[in-house]
Amino acid sequence: MKLKLNNFSFNIKLVKECLIFIFIILNLILSSCAKKKEVESSLLADSTSTNDPSDVTQTPTEDLSNTPTPTPTPTPVLDTHYIYLSSGTSYAGLGVTLSAPSQVIAKYDISGKLINVLRDFTASQGDSPVALLDYNPNYILALIENSAGRRVEMIAKDGSGYSSYLINSNLNSSVKDMIFDYTGGLLISKSTSIEKITSSGTRISIGGNPYVNNPAGSCTASATNISKIEKGPDDTIIFAHAFTAASVNNRINLIAKTGYSTAVDCLASIAAPTINHFPTAMLYHSSGKLLVAYGNNTGAINQVYSYDITNNSIANPILAYNDLSVLQGISEIVELPDHTVLITSASSSFNTVEKFQLDSSSGILTHLGTIPFLTPSIFTRSISSIIIAD
C-alpha cells in the first residue's frame, strides 16, 4: 500500500512539471505571434502611406501667387567725371591783382578731392597753361602760352605722360583760349583774332586772314583783347572782347560757325552792362542761358550776368550774381554733370572755386554751401582754365 502511495506522489509531481513546461512554451509562442503581428501592421502602414497619397497628412504651404516681386535695390552708379584745372596766365578784369600762377595742371574728383598733378610746367621756362579741352577718354589738350613756342600739348588723364599735339607759326601773339569748332578743328583766340587749325596742324584762313579777324557790323572794334571764346547755339562762335580801358567796345559778339568773312557773319553783338564791365569768362549753359562774368578793380565789379541767346541774337541781360565776399576776379565758369556751375575767383586774396545753382527761368545764380567748393591751394592760384571730363 505504501508503494502505491509513493508512486502516486511521484506521478503528481511529474504532471505538475509537465504543465509548467507547457505553459512556458505557450507563452513564448504567444509572445512571438504578437511581435509578428506588430511588424506586419507597421509594414502595412508604410505600404499604405506610399501607395495612397490621400491618406498622408501634409503640412499646409503658403500661397505666394499674389505676393509682389520685391524690387531689387539698384547698384549705385559712380560718377566717373573729373575736374581738370590749370594754374596759369589768366585774365580777371581791368586792374584785378592775381596771384602768381603755379603753372600746373591738376585733377580732382567730382566732389573736389585732389587726385594728382598731370603736368608741371615749372621746369619749362616761359610755359604757362591757359586753356584745356577734353580730347578723348585718355587725353586732354592744353594750350600753352610761351612767346618762344606757343603750342598745344596732349596730356594723359592719368598723368602718365604728354606729347606735342600741334605747333603752328600763326599762333604769333598771346594766346588766350581754345575750343573745338563744328568740324572738330581747334579755334584758338589770340589777342586780336581767332585762328582755326585742324588736328593735322593745317591753318584754315579766310581770305588769307585768321578765321575771325577784325569783324565789322555790330561786332566792329572788337580786335584788341579777345579774352574768351565759347561754342554757342548751332555751333556759332561766341567771343568776349575786353578793351584796354573803359569803353563801349567791351562787348559779347556772336559769329557764324563758318567764321568771319563779311559783316553778315556778325550775327549779333551786345555791349557790356556799362563801359566799366570787362568780360572775363563765359559759359553757354545747357539750359540755354549764356553766363558772362565781368571784372574791374575800379568800382569793384565782380559780377555774373545771364543772357538769352539764340543763333542770331543775344538779349535780356540779368544780373545773376553779385557778392564781393564770395567772388572776386572771376576767371572761369564751367557746368557740372548735374547742371550746377563752378566759378573761379583768381583774385590774389581768394584763389577759390565756388558752386552755384542756376535758375534756368530767371537766370539767377544761387550760391551753394557755406565754404568754397575748392579752398585756396597752390593748385587753385590764378586758375586759367577748368573743364569737366571723364
Foldseek 3Di string as FASTA:
>chain_A
DVVVVVVVVVVVVVVVVVVVVVVVVVVVVVVVVVVVVVVVVVVVVVVCVVPPVVVDDDDDDDDCPPPDDDDDDDDDDDDPKKKKFFFFDFAQAAPFAFDHAQQWIWIGHPLQHTDGTQDGCPVPPQWTFQEWADDDPFWIKTFIWGQVFTFIKTTGPVSPDIDGQEGACVLNAGWAYWDAFPVRWIWIDHQFFIWTAGSVGDTDPAVPHGLAGQADDPLHPQGGGFRDWDQAAPRWIKTFGFHNAQDQNRKIWTAGSSGDDHNVRGQEMDGDPGSRWHWAEWDCFPLQKIKTFTADPVVGGTFIWIWHDHNRYTDDTDGQDDDSVVAARWHYWEADPVRWIWIAHRRHVFLFIWIWDADSVRRHTDTDDDDTSGGDDSRSGNINYMYMDD
